[in-house]
C-alpha atoms as a PDB file:
ATOM      1  CA  MET A   1     135.895 118.985 118.508  1.00  0.00           C
ATOM      2  CA  PRO A   2     136.898 120.635 115.218  1.00  0.00           C
ATOM      3  CA  THR A   3     140.167 122.527 115.040  1.00  0.00           C
ATOM      4  CA  ARG A   4     141.445 125.502 113.109  1.00  0.00           C
ATOM      5  CA  ASP A   5     142.851 123.929 109.960  1.00  0.00           C
ATOM      6  CA  LEU A   6     142.083 126.244 107.013  1.00  0.00           C
ATOM      7  CA  ILE A   7     143.630 129.641 106.303  1.00  0.00           C
ATOM      8  CA  VAL A   8     142.051 131.739 103.533  1.00  0.00           C
ATOM      9  CA  VAL A   9     143.919 134.793 102.275  1.00  0.00           C
ATOM     10  CA  GLY A  10     142.727 137.652 100.083  1.00  0.00           C
ATOM     11  CA  ALA A  11     144.693 140.473  98.458  1.00  0.00           C
ATOM     12  CA  SER A  12     144.487 142.920  95.595  1.00  0.00           C
ATOM     13  CA  ALA A  13     146.661 145.924  94.686  1.00  0.00           C
ATOM     14  CA  GLY A  14     150.063 145.576  96.367  1.00  0.00           C
ATOM     15  CA  GLY A  15     149.159 141.989  97.155  1.00  0.00           C
ATOM     16  CA  VAL A  16     152.153 140.262  95.588  1.00  0.00           C
ATOM     17  CA  GLU A  17     154.551 141.966  97.991  1.00  0.00           C
ATOM     18  CA  ALA A  18     152.246 141.310 100.949  1.00  0.00           C
ATOM     19  CA  LEU A  19     151.796 137.647 100.001  1.00  0.00           C
ATOM     20  CA  ARG A  20     155.550 137.142  99.661  1.00  0.00           C
ATOM     21  CA  SER A  21     156.048 138.505 103.180  1.00  0.00           C
ATOM     22  CA  PHE A  22     153.131 136.421 104.472  1.00  0.00           C
ATOM     23  CA  THR A  23     154.324 133.107 103.010  1.00  0.00           C
ATOM     24  CA  ALA A  24     157.931 133.780 104.032  1.00  0.00           C
ATOM     25  CA  GLY A  25     156.820 133.870 107.659  1.00  0.00           C
ATOM     26  CA  LEU A  26     154.760 130.679 107.623  1.00  0.00           C
ATOM     27  CA  PRO A  27     156.190 127.761 109.637  1.00  0.00           C
ATOM     28  CA  ALA A  28     157.398 124.751 107.650  1.00  0.00           C
ATOM     29  CA  ASP A  29     155.303 122.408 109.810  1.00  0.00           C
ATOM     30  CA  LEU A  30     152.027 124.317 109.484  1.00  0.00           C
ATOM     31  CA  GLU A  31     149.135 121.886 110.070  1.00  0.00           C
ATOM     32  CA  ALA A  32     146.648 123.852 108.019  1.00  0.00           C
ATOM     33  CA  ALA A  33     145.833 124.277 104.337  1.00  0.00           C
ATOM     34  CA  VAL A  34     146.243 127.766 102.880  1.00  0.00           C
ATOM     35  CA  ALA A  35     144.038 129.073 100.044  1.00  0.00           C
ATOM     36  CA  VAL A  36     144.943 132.346  98.335  1.00  0.00           C
ATOM     37  CA  VAL A  37     142.997 134.719  96.094  1.00  0.00           C
ATOM     38  CA  LEU A  38     144.745 137.652  94.445  1.00  0.00           C
ATOM     39  CA  HIS A  39     142.789 139.804  92.012  1.00  0.00           C
ATOM     40  CA  LEU A  40     144.156 138.916  88.588  1.00  0.00           C
ATOM     41  CA  PRO A  41     143.313 139.965  85.024  1.00  0.00           C
ATOM     42  CA  ALA A  42     141.156 137.433  83.222  1.00  0.00           C
ATOM     43  CA  GLY A  43     143.483 136.696  80.311  1.00  0.00           C
ATOM     44  CA  GLY A  44     146.732 134.783  80.328  1.00  0.00           C
ATOM     45  CA  THR A  45     148.409 132.845  83.079  1.00  0.00           C
ATOM     46  CA  SER A  46     149.759 133.693  86.506  1.00  0.00           C
ATOM     47  CA  ALA A  47     153.213 133.110  87.964  1.00  0.00           C
ATOM     48  CA  LEU A  48     151.997 133.781  91.500  1.00  0.00           C
ATOM     49  CA  ALA A  49     152.270 130.153  92.656  1.00  0.00           C
ATOM     50  CA  GLY A  50     155.878 130.034  91.509  1.00  0.00           C
ATOM     51  CA  ILE A  51     156.679 133.306  93.256  1.00  0.00           C
ATOM     52  CA  LEU A  52     155.151 132.132  96.537  1.00  0.00           C
ATOM     53  CA  ASN A  53     156.790 128.716  96.198  1.00  0.00           C
ATOM     54  CA  ARG A  54     160.176 130.470  96.235  1.00  0.00           C
ATOM     55  CA  SER A  55     159.207 132.912  98.973  1.00  0.00           C
ATOM     56  CA  GLY A  56     158.594 130.603 101.908  1.00  0.00           C
ATOM     57  CA  PRO A  57     159.013 127.093 103.284  1.00  0.00           C
ATOM     58  CA  LEU A  58     155.625 125.758 102.151  1.00  0.00           C
ATOM     59  CA  PRO A  59     155.045 124.452  98.615  1.00  0.00           C
ATOM     60  CA  ALA A  60     152.683 126.654  96.607  1.00  0.00           C
ATOM     61  CA  VAL A  61     150.650 125.339  93.674  1.00  0.00           C
ATOM     62  CA  THR A  62     148.074 126.722  91.279  1.00  0.00           C
ATOM     63  CA  ALA A  63     144.761 125.232  92.356  1.00  0.00           C
ATOM     64  CA  SER A  64     142.983 122.798  90.058  1.00  0.00           C
ATOM     65  CA  HIS A  65     139.372 121.678  90.057  1.00  0.00           C
ATOM     66  CA  GLY A  66     138.789 118.830  92.504  1.00  0.00           C
ATOM     67  CA  MET A  67     142.174 119.227  94.222  1.00  0.00           C
ATOM     68  CA  ALA A  68     142.134 118.229  97.890  1.00  0.00           C
ATOM     69  CA  LEU A  69     143.072 120.919 100.377  1.00  0.00           C
ATOM     70  CA  ARG A  70     146.311 119.649 101.876  1.00  0.00           C
ATOM     71  CA  PRO A  71     147.811 120.866 105.173  1.00  0.00           C
ATOM     72  CA  GLY A  72     151.156 122.544 104.715  1.00  0.00           C
ATOM     73  CA  ARG A  73     150.440 123.621 101.130  1.00  0.00           C
ATOM     74  CA  VAL A  74     149.491 126.975  99.611  1.00  0.00           C
ATOM     75  CA  HIS A  75     146.701 126.698  97.006  1.00  0.00           C
ATOM     76  CA  VAL A  76     146.575 129.702  94.644  1.00  0.00           C
ATOM     77  CA  ALA A  77     143.487 130.647  92.627  1.00  0.00           C
ATOM     78  CA  PRO A  78     144.121 130.734  88.855  1.00  0.00           C
ATOM     79  CA  PRO A  79     143.027 133.714  86.737  1.00  0.00           C
ATOM     80  CA  ASP A  80     139.361 134.055  85.745  1.00  0.00           C
ATOM     81  CA  HIS A  81     138.118 131.396  88.197  1.00  0.00           C
ATOM     82  CA  HIS A  82     136.580 131.678  91.644  1.00  0.00           C
ATOM     83  CA  LEU A  83     138.237 129.386  94.173  1.00  0.00           C
ATOM     84  CA  ILE A  84     135.421 127.762  96.156  1.00  0.00           C
ATOM     85  CA  VAL A  85     135.933 125.383  99.097  1.00  0.00           C
ATOM     86  CA  ILE A  86     133.505 122.432  99.177  1.00  0.00           C
ATOM     87  CA  ASP A  87     133.920 119.461 101.553  1.00  0.00           C
ATOM     88  CA  GLY A  88     137.687 119.808 101.840  1.00  0.00           C
ATOM     89  CA  ARG A  89     138.225 120.119  98.101  1.00  0.00           C
ATOM     90  CA  ILE A  90     138.714 122.977  95.675  1.00  0.00           C
ATOM     91  CA  HIS A  91     135.975 123.836  93.233  1.00  0.00           C
ATOM     92  CA  LEU A  92     136.978 126.197  90.423  1.00  0.00           C
ATOM     93  CA  SER A  93     134.088 128.164  88.999  1.00  0.00           C
ATOM     94  CA  HIS A  94     133.521 130.611  86.168  1.00  0.00           C
ATOM     95  CA  GLY A  95     130.692 132.093  88.187  1.00  0.00           C
ATOM     96  CA  PRO A  96     129.540 135.729  88.058  1.00  0.00           C
ATOM     97  CA  THR A  97     132.160 138.312  88.962  1.00  0.00           C
ATOM     98  CA  GLU A  98     132.042 139.917  92.393  1.00  0.00           C
ATOM     99  CA  ASN A  99     133.056 143.571  92.538  1.00  0.00           C
ATOM    100  CA  GLY A 100     134.228 143.110  88.955  1.00  0.00           C
ATOM    101  CA  HIS A 101     136.656 140.342  89.941  1.00  0.00           C
ATOM    102  CA  ARG A 102     137.041 136.643  89.259  1.00  0.00           C
ATOM    103  CA  PRO A 103     138.620 135.258  91.378  1.00  0.00           C
ATOM    104  CA  ALA A 104     137.007 137.231  94.188  1.00  0.00           C
ATOM    105  CA  VAL A 105     138.041 137.205  97.831  1.00  0.00           C
ATOM    106  CA  ASP A 106     134.458 137.227  99.120  1.00  0.00           C
ATOM    107  CA  ALA A 107     133.599 134.082  97.137  1.00  0.00           C
ATOM    108  CA  LEU A 108     136.478 132.141  98.739  1.00  0.00           C
ATOM    109  CA  PHE A 109     135.861 133.431 102.266  1.00  0.00           C
ATOM    110  CA  ARG A 110     132.123 132.816 102.120  1.00  0.00           C
ATOM    111  CA  SER A 111     132.499 129.224 100.923  1.00  0.00           C
ATOM    112  CA  ALA A 112     135.196 128.457 103.495  1.00  0.00           C
ATOM    113  CA  ALA A 113     132.989 129.773 106.302  1.00  0.00           C
ATOM    114  CA  ALA A 114     130.053 127.689 105.091  1.00  0.00           C
ATOM    115  CA  THR A 115     131.969 124.398 104.997  1.00  0.00           C
ATOM    116  CA  HIS A 116     134.649 124.803 107.698  1.00  0.00           C
ATOM    117  CA  GLY A 117     132.898 127.107 110.149  1.00  0.00           C
ATOM    118  CA  ALA A 118     134.994 128.099 113.145  1.00  0.00           C
ATOM    119  CA  GLY A 119     137.945 126.165 111.744  1.00  0.00           C
ATOM    120  CA  VAL A 120     138.660 128.995 109.286  1.00  0.00           C
ATOM    121  CA  ILE A 121     141.186 131.783 109.747  1.00  0.00           C
ATOM    122  CA  GLY A 122     140.603 134.699 107.373  1.00  0.00           C
ATOM    123  CA  VAL A 123     143.472 136.966 106.332  1.00  0.00           C
ATOM    124  CA  VAL A 124     143.036 140.238 104.417  1.00  0.00           C
ATOM    125  CA  LEU A 125     146.127 141.880 102.959  1.00  0.00           C
ATOM    126  CA  SER A 126     146.859 144.949 100.813  1.00  0.00           C
ATOM    127  CA  GLY A 127     144.223 146.052  98.312  1.00  0.00           C
ATOM    128  CA  THR A 128     141.914 148.847  97.224  1.00  0.00           C
ATOM    129  CA  LEU A 129     138.174 149.089  97.823  1.00  0.00           C
ATOM    130  CA  ASP A 130     136.474 146.449 100.015  1.00  0.00           C
ATOM    131  CA  ASP A 131     136.453 142.940  98.524  1.00  0.00           C
ATOM    132  CA  GLY A 132     136.880 140.540 101.446  1.00  0.00           C
ATOM    133  CA  THR A 133     134.813 142.431 104.005  1.00  0.00           C
ATOM    134  CA  ALA A 134     131.538 140.592 103.369  1.00  0.00           C
ATOM    135  CA  GLY A 135     133.362 137.252 103.317  1.00  0.00           C
ATOM    136  CA  MET A 136     135.185 138.040 106.549  1.00  0.00           C
ATOM    137  CA  ILE A 137     131.847 138.810 108.199  1.00  0.00           C
ATOM    138  CA  SER A 138     130.733 135.278 107.250  1.00  0.00           C
ATOM    139  CA  ILE A 139     133.911 133.831 108.808  1.00  0.00           C
ATOM    140  CA  VAL A 140     133.531 135.756 112.050  1.00  0.00           C
ATOM    141  CA  ASN A 141     129.822 134.916 112.333  1.00  0.00           C
ATOM    142  CA  ARG A 142     130.705 131.228 112.263  1.00  0.00           C
ATOM    143  CA  GLY A 143     133.349 131.610 114.970  1.00  0.00           C
ATOM    144  CA  GLY A 144     136.429 131.874 112.756  1.00  0.00           C
ATOM    145  CA  LEU A 145     139.390 134.189 113.327  1.00  0.00           C
ATOM    146  CA  ALA A 146     139.984 137.466 111.464  1.00  0.00           C
ATOM    147  CA  LEU A 147     143.535 138.681 110.754  1.00  0.00           C
ATOM    148  CA  VAL A 148     144.214 141.927 108.912  1.00  0.00           C
ATOM    149  CA  GLN A 149     147.433 143.416 107.625  1.00  0.00           C
ATOM    150  CA  ASP A 150     148.248 146.648 109.420  1.00  0.00           C
ATOM    151  CA  PRO A 151     146.913 149.384 107.088  1.00  0.00           C
ATOM    152  CA  GLU A 152     149.968 151.475 107.929  1.00  0.00           C
ATOM    153  CA  GLU A 153     152.143 148.786 106.343  1.00  0.00           C
ATOM    154  CA  ALA A 154     149.920 147.861 103.378  1.00  0.00           C
ATOM    155  CA  LEU A 155     150.825 149.423 100.044  1.00  0.00           C
ATOM    156  CA  PHE A 156     147.086 149.957  99.519  1.00  0.00           C
ATOM    157  CA  ASP A 157     145.054 150.151 102.723  1.00  0.00           C
ATOM    158  CA  GLY A 158     141.525 150.006 101.269  1.00  0.00           C
ATOM    159  CA  MET A 159     140.770 146.330 101.919  1.00  0.00           C
ATOM    160  CA  PRO A 160     142.327 146.136 105.416  1.00  0.00           C
ATOM    161  CA  ALA A 161     140.715 149.422 106.455  1.00  0.00           C
ATOM    162  CA  SER A 162     137.297 148.282 105.210  1.00  0.00           C
ATOM    163  CA  VAL A 163     137.451 145.130 107.335  1.00  0.00           C
ATOM    164  CA  LEU A 164     138.483 147.164 110.370  1.00  0.00           C
ATOM    165  CA  ARG A 165     135.567 149.558 109.857  1.00  0.00           C
ATOM    166  CA  ASN A 166     132.987 146.781 109.754  1.00  0.00           C
ATOM    167  CA  ILE A 167     134.233 143.913 111.943  1.00  0.00           C
ATOM    168  CA  HIS A 168     135.781 143.341 115.332  1.00  0.00           C
ATOM    169  CA  VAL A 169     139.105 141.917 114.142  1.00  0.00           C
ATOM    170  CA  ASP A 170     141.081 139.491 116.267  1.00  0.00           C
ATOM    171  CA  HIS A 171     144.561 140.605 115.168  1.00  0.00           C
ATOM    172  CA  VAL A 172     146.067 143.507 113.204  1.00  0.00           C
ATOM    173  CA  LEU A 173     149.745 143.057 112.378  1.00  0.00           C
ATOM    174  CA  SER A 174     152.334 143.100 109.626  1.00  0.00           C
ATOM    175  CA  ALA A 175     152.173 140.396 106.953  1.00  0.00           C
ATOM    176  CA  ALA A 176     155.615 139.103 107.922  1.00  0.00           C
ATOM    177  CA  LYS A 177     154.560 138.481 111.536  1.00  0.00           C
ATOM    178  CA  MET A 178     151.385 136.557 110.756  1.00  0.00           C
ATOM    179  CA  GLY A 179     153.166 133.222 110.398  1.00  0.00           C
ATOM    180  CA  ALA A 180     154.289 133.137 114.021  1.00  0.00           C
ATOM    181  CA  LEU A 181     150.779 133.972 115.193  1.00  0.00           C
ATOM    182  CA  LEU A 182     149.235 131.336 112.938  1.00  0.00           C
ATOM    183  CA  ARG A 183     151.523 128.681 114.413  1.00  0.00           C
ATOM    184  CA  GLU A 184     149.797 129.334 117.752  1.00  0.00           C
ATOM    185  CA  CYS A 185     146.259 129.493 116.307  1.00  0.00           C
ATOM    186  CA  VAL A 186     146.308 126.462 114.011  1.00  0.00           C
ATOM    187  CA  GLY A 187     145.175 123.258 115.696  1.00  0.00           C
ATOM    188  CA  GLN A 188     143.192 124.979 118.432  1.00  0.00           C
ATOM    189  CA  GLU A 189     139.899 123.297 119.227  1.00  0.00           C
ATOM    190  CA  VAL A 190     136.926 125.488 118.405  1.00  0.00           C
ATOM    191  CA  ARG A 191     133.210 125.719 118.968  1.00  0.00           C
ATOM    192  CA  GLN A 192     131.085 126.490 115.930  1.00  0.00           C
ATOM    193  CA  GLY A 193     129.359 129.850 115.780  1.00  0.00           C
ATOM    194  CA  ASP A 194     126.098 130.576 114.028  1.00  0.00           C
ATOM    195  CA  GLU A 195     124.983 128.428 111.129  1.00  0.00           C
ATOM    196  CA  PRO A 196     125.585 130.012 107.711  1.00  0.00           C
ATOM    197  CA  SER A 197     122.780 132.375 106.818  1.00  0.00           C
ATOM    198  CA  ASP A 198     120.418 131.471 104.011  1.00  0.00           C
ATOM    199  CA  LEU A 199     121.836 134.401 102.046  1.00  0.00           C
ATOM    200  CA  ALA A 200     125.422 133.154 102.486  1.00  0.00           C
ATOM    201  CA  ARG A 201     124.439 129.693 101.269  1.00  0.00           C
ATOM    202  CA  ARG A 202     122.652 131.092  98.239  1.00  0.00           C
ATOM    203  CA  GLU A 203     125.522 133.415  97.335  1.00  0.00           C
ATOM    204  CA  THR A 204     127.994 130.534  97.597  1.00  0.00           C
ATOM    205  CA  ALA A 205     125.759 128.464  95.329  1.00  0.00           C
ATOM    206  CA  ILE A 206     125.703 131.262  92.733  1.00  0.00           C
ATOM    207  CA  ALA A 207     129.494 131.599  92.801  1.00  0.00           C
ATOM    208  CA  SER A 208     130.048 127.851  92.497  1.00  0.00           C
ATOM    209  CA  SER A 209     127.338 126.977  89.974  1.00  0.00           C
ATOM    210  CA  GLY A 210     128.288 129.669  87.494  1.00  0.00           C
ATOM    211  CA  VAL A 211     125.081 131.700  87.360  1.00  0.00           C
ATOM    212  CA  ALA A 212     121.899 132.420  89.271  1.00  0.00           C
ATOM    213  CA  THR A 213     119.463 129.670  88.347  1.00  0.00           C
ATOM    214  CA  HIS A 214     116.543 132.066  88.003  1.00  0.00           C
ATOM    215  CA  ALA A 215     116.061 135.821  88.258  1.00  0.00           C
ATOM    216  CA  ASP A 216     113.478 135.329  91.027  1.00  0.00           C
ATOM    217  CA  GLU A 217     116.227 133.699  93.113  1.00  0.00           C
ATOM    218  CA  VAL A 218     118.178 136.958  93.237  1.00  0.00           C
ATOM    219  CA  ILE A 219     115.131 139.200  93.490  1.00  0.00           C
ATOM    220  CA  SER A 220     114.055 137.335  96.634  1.00  0.00           C
ATOM    221  CA  MET A 221     117.403 138.160  98.298  1.00  0.00           C
ATOM    222  CA  GLY A 222     116.478 141.813  98.781  1.00  0.00           C
ATOM    223  CA  HIS A 223     114.554 144.565  97.062  1.00  0.00           C
ATOM    224  CA  PRO A 224     114.924 146.321  93.704  1.00  0.00           C
ATOM    225  CA  SER A 225     117.273 149.282  93.516  1.00  0.00           C
ATOM    226  CA  ASN A 226     117.339 152.059  90.955  1.00  0.00           C
ATOM    227  CA  PHE A 227     120.809 151.046  89.796  1.00  0.00           C
ATOM    228  CA  SER A 228     122.103 148.949  86.921  1.00  0.00           C
ATOM    229  CA  CYS A 229     124.908 146.397  86.894  1.00  0.00           C
ATOM    230  CA  PRO A 230     128.138 147.754  85.342  1.00  0.00           C
ATOM    231  CA  ASP A 231     128.908 144.274  83.963  1.00  0.00           C
ATOM    232  CA  CYS A 232     125.632 143.486  82.164  1.00  0.00           C
ATOM    233  CA  GLN A 233     123.413 146.575  82.631  1.00  0.00           C
ATOM    234  CA  GLY A 234     120.784 144.411  84.345  1.00  0.00           C
ATOM    235  CA  ASN A 235     118.742 145.644  87.296  1.00  0.00           C
ATOM    236  CA  LEU A 236     120.485 145.416  90.648  1.00  0.00           C
ATOM    237  CA  VAL A 237     118.804 144.072  93.772  1.00  0.00           C
ATOM    238  CA  GLU A 238     119.850 145.659  97.068  1.00  0.00           C
ATOM    239  CA  LEU A 239     120.578 142.856  99.528  1.00  0.00           C
ATOM    240  CA  ASP A 240     119.292 143.074 103.081  1.00  0.00           C
ATOM    241  CA  VAL A 241     122.773 143.232 104.640  1.00  0.00           C
ATOM    242  CA  VAL A 242     125.146 145.690 106.278  1.00  0.00           C
ATOM    243  CA  PRO A 243     127.351 147.006 104.785  1.00  0.00           C
ATOM    244  CA  LYS A 244     125.255 147.578 101.678  1.00  0.00           C
ATOM    245  CA  ARG A 245     125.667 145.153  98.755  1.00  0.00           C
ATOM    246  CA  PHE A 246     123.917 144.471  95.461  1.00  0.00           C
ATOM    247  CA  ARG A 247     123.389 141.610  92.985  1.00  0.00           C
ATOM    248  CA  CYS A 248     121.976 141.648  89.480  1.00  0.00           C
ATOM    249  CA  GLN A 249     119.545 139.077  88.162  1.00  0.00           C
ATOM    250  CA  VAL A 250     122.262 136.931  86.580  1.00  0.00           C
ATOM    251  CA  GLY A 251     124.390 137.012  89.732  1.00  0.00           C
ATOM    252  CA  HIS A 252     127.042 139.741  89.403  1.00  0.00           C
ATOM    253  CA  ALA A 253     127.746 141.070  92.902  1.00  0.00           C
ATOM    254  CA  TRP A 254     128.801 144.542  94.021  1.00  0.00           C
ATOM    255  CA  THR A 255     129.510 146.270  97.281  1.00  0.00           C
ATOM    256  CA  ALA A 256     128.312 149.866  97.405  1.00  0.00           C
ATOM    257  CA  GLU A 257     131.907 151.099  97.305  1.00  0.00           C
ATOM    258  CA  ALA A 258     132.850 148.943  94.318  1.00  0.00           C
ATOM    259  CA  LEU A 259     129.658 149.933  92.504  1.00  0.00           C
ATOM    260  CA  LEU A 260     130.402 153.606  93.032  1.00  0.00           C
ATOM    261  CA  ASP A 261     133.914 153.086  91.667  1.00  0.00           C
ATOM    262  CA  ALA A 262     132.590 151.188  88.626  1.00  0.00           C
ATOM    263  CA  GLN A 263     130.078 153.937  87.921  1.00  0.00           C
ATOM    264  CA  GLY A 264     132.965 156.390  87.896  1.00  0.00           C
ATOM    265  CA  VAL A 265     134.710 154.270  85.271  1.00  0.00           C
ATOM    266  CA  THR A 266     131.522 154.133  83.185  1.00  0.00           C
ATOM    267  CA  LEU A 267     131.157 157.904  83.441  1.00  0.00           C
ATOM    268  CA  GLU A 268     134.734 158.482  82.335  1.00  0.00           C
ATOM    269  CA  LYS A 269     134.276 156.207  79.313  1.00  0.00           C
ATOM    270  CA  ALA A 270     131.089 158.068  78.403  1.00  0.00           C
ATOM    271  CA  LEU A 271     132.875 161.408  78.622  1.00  0.00           C
ATOM    272  CA  TRP A 272     135.708 160.252  76.373  1.00  0.00           C
ATOM    273  CA  THR A 273     133.111 158.960  73.901  1.00  0.00           C
ATOM    274  CA  ALA A 274     131.356 162.332  74.036  1.00  0.00           C
ATOM    275  CA  LEU A 275     134.668 164.109  73.403  1.00  0.00           C
ATOM    276  CA  ARG A 276     135.361 161.937  70.362  1.00  0.00           C
ATOM    277  CA  THR A 277     131.848 162.582  69.034  1.00  0.00           C
ATOM    278  CA  LEU A 278     132.200 166.340  69.453  1.00  0.00           C
ATOM    279  CA  GLU A 279     135.547 166.362  67.670  1.00  0.00           C
ATOM    280  CA  GLU A 280     134.109 164.302  64.812  1.00  0.00           C
ATOM    281  CA  LYS A 281     131.130 166.673  64.601  1.00  0.00           C
ATOM    282  CA  ALA A 282     133.451 169.671  64.422  1.00  0.00           C
ATOM    283  CA  GLY A 283     135.549 167.964  61.751  1.00  0.00           C
ATOM    284  CA  LEU A 284     132.503 167.088  59.639  1.00  0.00           C
ATOM    285  CA  ALA A 285     131.103 170.637  59.937  1.00  0.00           C
ATOM    286  CA  ARG A 286     134.518 171.986  58.843  1.00  0.00           C
ATOM    287  CA  ARG A 287     134.488 169.865  55.679  1.00  0.00           C
ATOM    288  CA  MET A 288     130.916 170.867  54.885  1.00  0.00           C
ATOM    289  CA  ARG A 289     131.804 174.533  55.376  1.00  0.00           C
ATOM    290  CA  GLN A 290     134.744 174.176  53.002  1.00  0.00           C
ATOM    291  CA  ASP A 291     132.506 172.588  50.378  1.00  0.00           C
ATOM    292  CA  ALA A 292     129.976 175.400  50.839  1.00  0.00           C
ATOM    293  CA  VAL A 293     132.755 177.969  50.347  1.00  0.00           C
ATOM    294  CA  LYS A 294     133.654 176.374  47.021  1.00  0.00           C
ATOM    295  CA  ARG A 295     130.015 176.551  45.922  1.00  0.00           C
ATOM    296  CA  GLY A 296     129.630 180.159  47.123  1.00  0.00           C
ATOM    297  CA  ALA A 297     126.751 179.202  49.460  1.00  0.00           C
ATOM    298  CA  GLU A 298     127.242 181.926  52.074  1.00  0.00           C
ATOM    299  CA  LEU A 299     124.246 180.947  54.239  1.00  0.00           C
ATOM    300  CA  LEU A 300     125.527 177.393  54.509  1.00  0.00           C
ATOM    301  CA  VAL A 301     129.060 178.620  55.213  1.00  0.00           C
ATOM    302  CA  ARG A 302     127.838 180.612  58.229  1.00  0.00           C
ATOM    303  CA  ARG A 303     125.630 177.755  59.414  1.00  0.00           C
ATOM    304  CA  TYR A 304     128.399 175.147  59.278  1.00  0.00           C
ATOM    305  CA  GLN A 305     130.880 177.570  60.842  1.00  0.00           C
ATOM    306  CA  ARG A 306     128.580 178.063  63.863  1.00  0.00           C
ATOM    307  CA  THR A 307     128.186 174.293  64.200  1.00  0.00           C
ATOM    308  CA  GLU A 308     131.956 173.795  64.027  1.00  0.00           C
ATOM    309  CA  GLU A 309     132.644 176.507  66.595  1.00  0.00           C
ATOM    310  CA  GLU A 310     129.991 175.197  69.013  1.00  0.00           C
ATOM    311  CA  ALA A 311     131.266 171.616  68.781  1.00  0.00           C
ATOM    312  CA  SER A 312     134.914 172.684  69.116  1.00  0.00           C
ATOM    313  CA  SER A 313     134.132 174.876  72.124  1.00  0.00           C
ATOM    314  CA  ALA A 314     132.239 172.084  73.868  1.00  0.00           C
ATOM    315  CA  ALA A 315     135.067 169.640  73.096  1.00  0.00           C
ATOM    316  CA  ASP A 316     137.624 172.038  74.598  1.00  0.00           C
ATOM    317  CA  VAL A 317     135.620 172.339  77.815  1.00  0.00           C
ATOM    318  CA  LEU A 318     135.159 168.580  78.104  1.00  0.00           C
ATOM    319  CA  ARG A 319     138.815 167.894  77.307  1.00  0.00           C
ATOM    320  CA  GLY A 320     139.847 170.322  80.030  1.00  0.00           C
ATOM    321  CA  HIS A 321     137.760 168.457  82.611  1.00  0.00           C
ATOM    322  CA  LEU A 322     139.158 165.082  81.556  1.00  0.00           C
ATOM    323  CA  LEU A 323     142.792 166.141  81.434  1.00  0.00           C
ATOM    324  CA  SER A 324     142.559 168.027  84.731  1.00  0.00           C
ATOM    325  CA  GLY A 325     142.206 164.687  86.497  1.00  0.00           C
ATOM    326  CA  GLU A 326     138.656 165.316  87.710  1.00  0.00           C
ATOM    327  CA  TYR A 327     137.453 162.108  86.102  1.00  0.00           C
ATOM    328  CA  THR A 328     140.614 160.064  86.305  1.00  0.00           C
ATOM    329  CA  ARG A 329     140.894 157.358  88.942  1.00  0.00           C
ATOM    330  CA  GLN A 330     143.688 155.626  90.772  1.00  0.00           C
ATOM    331  CA  ALA A 331     144.294 152.347  88.940  1.00  0.00           C
ATOM    332  CA  ASP A 332     143.884 149.261  91.105  1.00  0.00           C
ATOM    333  CA  ALA A 333     147.359 147.901  90.352  1.00  0.00           C
ATOM    334  CA  GLU A 334     146.211 144.357  89.884  1.00  0.00           C
ATOM    335  CA  ALA A 335     148.095 143.440  86.760  1.00  0.00           C
ATOM    336  CA  GLY A 336     149.246 140.479  88.800  1.00  0.00           C
ATOM    337  CA  PRO A 337     152.263 138.387  87.984  1.00  0.00           C
END
C-alpha cells in the first residue's frame, strides 16, 4: 500500500517566520519530501532556501526543473514559477498566475494531490486571502491529510482561516509543533480516496503547460460570468465549484475573495488616475484663464475660471476620499526574502 511521503506547504504574508518555525521543528530523519511555496514578487531572486537551510535540520534547496523529490529535503519554489509535482519530480512552469501569484499554493497542492493521492500531507501557514483552500480540498478529496497553522498564532490568519471555513481539517496547531506530528504521520499506509476530478486534472494541465490550449477548454469548465480578469481584462468563466472560483480564457485563476481584492486595487488605481486628470484639467484651465486675462477676453476668463473651480473642487473631494483610507488596502506583505 502507498504511504504518506510528500508534504506540501503554502504560505504568504508572514510566511517567512512561519516557515522558519515549521522547518526548525522537522525531524532530521524525516522520510518524506517537503515542497514549499511562498508568494514571492516576480523579479529578482529569493534567499528563502538559504534561510530555511539554516533554520532546521533538513537541507533546503531552491527547486529546479526536473529535480527529483528527495525524502528528507525541503524543495523551495523559485520566484515567478509554479512548482508542479509530476511523477515524483518537480516541474517548474511559467503558467498563468493564480490569485495574482506565481508561484501559487493551489497549483502545487492540486498537482501533488493528482499524482500522490492519499500520500500527500498539506500544510497551510500564515497568509492573507485564500490561496491554498482549493488545493487543500483536492488533497482531502484524495484521502490526504490537512494541517493548518493555528490562526491565533499566524501573523496573518486569512489563509488558515479560509481552509478552516471550507474543509474538515485534521490538525490545527502551531507551526513549531507540526514537525513532531509529521514524524508520526509520515510513513503511514494509506488508502486512496476519490480519483482526481476532471476539473482538477485540467487545472493542473493549465498550470504546468503554461497556458490554456484553447479558449473553449476554459469555457467548458463552467459558465460565463459578467466579470473581467484583472490580469488580462479577458472574460472570466465561473467554475462549477464551491467555494466560488473563476478562470479567464487564457488561464488566469481567481477565487472570489482574491478577485474582489484585485478589483479594489483596480478601483484605487482608477481613482488616482482620475485625481491626476482633474488636477491637470484645473492647471490647464488656469493657464488658459491667465492668457485670456492678458488678452482682455472677459467671457473666456469667466468660462475658464468656472472650469478651473469645478475641476479643483472635484479633485479636492476625490483626494479626501483617497487620503481618508476608504480606498486603501492592507498590503499583503509578500516582499519575500
